[in-house]
Structure formats: C-alpha cells, structure tokens
Amino acid sequence: MKEAAKTLNFLTENKLLQYGDLEAKTTEVAAAFDNTADTLKAAEKRLADMAALLKNISTYQQTKPIVDGISAARALKAHATKDGKLPNPATLQAEYNRFTEKKNTLRAEYGNLQQMAKEHGVVKKNVDSILNPGTERARGRYRNAEL
C-alpha cells in the first residue's frame, strides 16, 4: 500500500499521468544515464592518462640534468688526454674560429672555381664543335644557329 502511494505521488508530481508519458520519460532518463556514464568513463580515462603524463614529466625534469651530465661526461672522455685532462676551452675556441675562417675562404674559392669550370666547359664544347663540325650534334647546333 505504501509503495503504491509513493508511486502515485511520483507520477502526479512529475505529471506522468499517461502510461506513454511514463515510457517516454523512462527511455529519456535511461539514455541520459548511458550518455553520462560514457562521458564519465572518458573523463576518468583522460584523468588517468594525464596523471601518468604528469608523473612522467616530473620524473624526466628531475633526472634530465643527471642524464645530460652523464652523456656529456661520456662524450668528453673520448677527448681527454692520457692524464684525464680536457682541452683548454680558450685554445679550442681559437682553433674553432680559425677553422671557421678557413671554411669561409674555401667556400668562396669553391664558388669561384665552380663558375670557372662551368665557363671552361662551355668554351671547350664550343671549340670541340668547331674543330669537329662533322658530328651530328655539331651539325644540329649549326642548323639551329642558322635558323
């Protein structure tokens, strides 16, 4: 009896006086429940992923200086003298600067020589075609030049 009274009060308060209205509302609430459950699961998964990422970032930031130091030590070990000393940074910088200047000079010379080689190649092809006018390529060039 009490349960029937509660049910009647619920139906009246929610204006569900027709069975079709009750069915529609029940379906609507079930769909909203499922949708909210899916959204909640997605949010919980994203939170778990973010928590793991935050932990990994924190660990990385804490250990990066140590890893970098170990890597640098390994790289420098190959350049140390027999007594374990490293090259003088000022001397090394001066040598670096000299090599940079040398590289720039060589690059300019390379460009000039490349241009000269190109010019000499064109001149040689022209001379070859003049000295050997019987070749098919030379005749074709002369025909094209005369046109």
Protein backbone atom coordinates (compact mmCIF):
# COMPACT_ATOMS: atom_id res chain seq x y z
CA MET A 1 0.00 0.00 0.00
CA LYS A 2 2.78 2.42 0.91
CA GLU A 3 4.62 1.60 -2.29
CA ALA A 4 1.51 2.22 -4.36
CA ALA A 5 1.00 5.59 -2.64
CA LYS A 6 4.62 6.59 -3.33
CA THR A 7 4.25 5.59 -6.97
CA LEU A 8 1.04 7.59 -7.36
CA ASN A 9 2.61 10.66 -5.72
CA PHE A 10 5.67 10.40 -8.01
CA LEU A 11 3.52 10.12 -11.13
CA THR A 12 1.39 13.10 -10.06
CA GLU A 13 4.36 15.32 -9.11
CA ASN A 14 6.12 14.60 -12.42
CA LYS A 15 2.89 14.92 -14.47
CA LEU A 16 3.23 11.40 -15.84
CA LEU A 17 -0.45 10.55 -15.79
CA GLN A 18 -0.39 8.67 -19.10
CA TYR A 19 1.45 5.36 -19.47
CA GLY A 20 3.02 6.57 -22.77
CA ASP A 21 4.43 9.63 -20.98
CA LEU A 22 5.94 7.34 -18.32
CA GLU A 23 7.51 5.13 -21.02
CA ALA A 24 8.94 8.13 -22.90
CA LYS A 25 10.34 9.67 -19.73
CA THR A 26 11.85 6.33 -18.64
CA THR A 27 13.53 5.94 -22.05
CA GLU A 28 14.78 9.55 -21.93
CA VAL A 29 16.25 9.13 -18.44
CA ALA A 30 17.90 5.81 -19.40
CA ALA A 31 19.52 7.41 -22.48
CA ALA A 32 20.76 10.36 -20.41
CA PHE A 33 22.13 7.91 -17.83
CA ASP A 34 24.01 5.93 -20.50
CA ASN A 35 25.37 9.10 -22.09
CA THR A 36 26.53 10.46 -18.75
CA ALA A 37 28.13 7.12 -17.86
CA ASP A 38 30.08 7.13 -21.14
CA THR A 39 31.18 10.74 -20.61
CA LEU A 40 32.22 9.94 -17.05
CA LYS A 41 34.29 6.95 -18.20
CA ALA A 42 36.01 9.09 -20.84
CA ALA A 43 36.77 11.78 -18.26
CA GLU A 44 38.16 9.22 -15.82
CA LYS A 45 40.37 7.71 -18.55
CA ARG A 46 41.66 11.17 -19.56
CA LEU A 47 42.40 11.96 -15.91
CA ALA A 48 44.33 8.70 -15.52
CA ASP A 49 46.30 9.43 -18.72
CA MET A 50 47.05 12.97 -17.57
CA ALA A 51 48.15 11.76 -14.13
CA ALA A 52 50.61 9.32 -15.73
CA LEU A 53 51.87 12.02 -18.10
CA LEU A 54 52.34 14.49 -15.25
CA LYS A 55 54.26 11.88 -13.27
CA ASN A 56 56.50 11.08 -16.24
CA ILE A 57 57.15 14.77 -16.98
CA SER A 58 58.07 15.37 -13.36
CA THR A 59 60.42 12.38 -13.30
CA TYR A 60 62.00 13.48 -16.59
CA GLN A 61 62.56 17.03 -15.35
CA GLN A 62 64.16 15.75 -12.16
CA THR A 63 66.51 13.30 -13.88
CA LYS A 64 67.34 15.23 -17.08
CA PRO A 65 70.30 17.14 -15.59
CA ILE A 66 71.79 13.86 -14.37
CA VAL A 67 71.34 12.14 -17.74
CA ASP A 68 72.74 15.18 -19.57
CA GLY A 69 75.73 15.22 -17.24
CA ILE A 70 76.43 11.54 -17.82
CA SER A 71 76.11 11.97 -21.61
CA ALA A 72 78.44 14.97 -21.56
CA ALA A 73 80.97 13.08 -19.44
CA ARG A 74 80.95 10.16 -21.90
CA ALA A 75 81.38 12.48 -24.87
CA LEU A 76 84.22 14.38 -23.20
CA LYS A 77 86.01 11.24 -22.03
CA ALA A 78 87.00 10.48 -25.64
CA HIS A 79 88.73 13.87 -25.90
CA ALA A 80 90.62 13.75 -22.62
CA THR A 81 94.38 13.34 -22.57
CA LYS A 82 96.05 10.30 -21.04
CA ASP A 83 96.20 12.05 -17.67
CA GLY A 84 92.43 12.75 -17.86
CA LYS A 85 92.62 16.46 -18.61
CA LEU A 86 90.29 18.09 -21.10
CA PRO A 87 91.45 20.51 -23.81
CA ASN A 88 91.65 24.17 -22.83
CA PRO A 89 88.35 25.82 -23.88
CA ALA A 90 90.04 29.09 -24.92
CA THR A 91 92.53 27.22 -27.14
CA LEU A 92 89.74 25.11 -28.58
CA GLN A 93 87.64 28.23 -29.30
CA ALA A 94 90.57 29.91 -31.06
CA GLU A 95 91.10 26.83 -33.23
CA TYR A 96 87.38 26.71 -33.97
CA ASN A 97 87.46 30.34 -35.10
CA ARG A 98 90.47 29.67 -37.37
CA PHE A 99 88.72 26.72 -38.99
CA THR A 100 85.56 28.78 -39.47
CA GLU A 101 87.55 31.45 -41.31
CA LYS A 102 89.30 28.79 -43.39
CA LYS A 103 85.95 27.19 -44.24
CA ASN A 104 84.55 30.55 -45.37
CA THR A 105 87.60 31.22 -47.53
CA LEU A 106 87.42 27.75 -49.07
CA ARG A 107 83.69 28.13 -49.72
CA ALA A 108 84.31 31.37 -51.64
CA GLU A 109 87.15 29.76 -53.60
CA TYR A 110 84.94 26.77 -54.34
CA GLY A 111 82.23 29.04 -55.76
CA ASN A 112 84.74 30.84 -57.98
CA LEU A 113 86.23 27.59 -59.22
CA GLN A 114 82.79 26.19 -59.89
CA GLN A 115 81.95 29.21 -62.05
CA MET A 116 85.29 28.94 -63.87
CA ALA A 117 84.78 25.23 -64.51
CA LYS A 118 81.36 25.94 -65.96
CA GLU A 119 82.73 28.65 -68.25
CA HIS A 120 85.64 26.46 -69.36
CA GLY A 121 83.27 23.58 -70.08
CA VAL A 122 81.12 25.76 -72.32
CA VAL A 123 84.18 27.10 -74.17
CA LYS A 124 85.56 23.57 -74.62
CA LYS A 125 82.25 22.33 -76.05
CA ASN A 126 82.22 25.27 -78.48
CA VAL A 127 85.81 24.61 -79.58
CA ASP A 128 85.11 20.87 -79.94
CA SER A 129 82.12 21.61 -82.16
CA ILE A 130 84.21 23.96 -84.30
CA LEU A 131 87.08 21.50 -84.62
CA ASN A 132 84.76 18.54 -85.30
CA PRO A 133 81.92 20.02 -87.34
CA GLY A 134 81.05 16.62 -88.83
CA THR A 135 79.46 15.25 -85.69
CA GLU A 136 75.68 15.02 -85.68
CA ARG A 137 75.37 17.17 -82.57
CA ALA A 138 77.54 19.90 -84.09
CA ARG A 139 75.56 19.89 -87.35
CA GLY A 140 72.34 20.10 -85.40
CA ARG A 141 73.65 23.07 -83.45
CA TYR A 142 74.76 24.85 -86.62
CA ARG A 143 71.37 24.19 -88.24
CA ASN A 144 69.62 25.59 -85.19
CA ALA A 145 72.01 28.57 -85.12
CA GLU A 146 71.38 29.33 -88.79
CA LEU A 147 67.62 29.21 -88.35
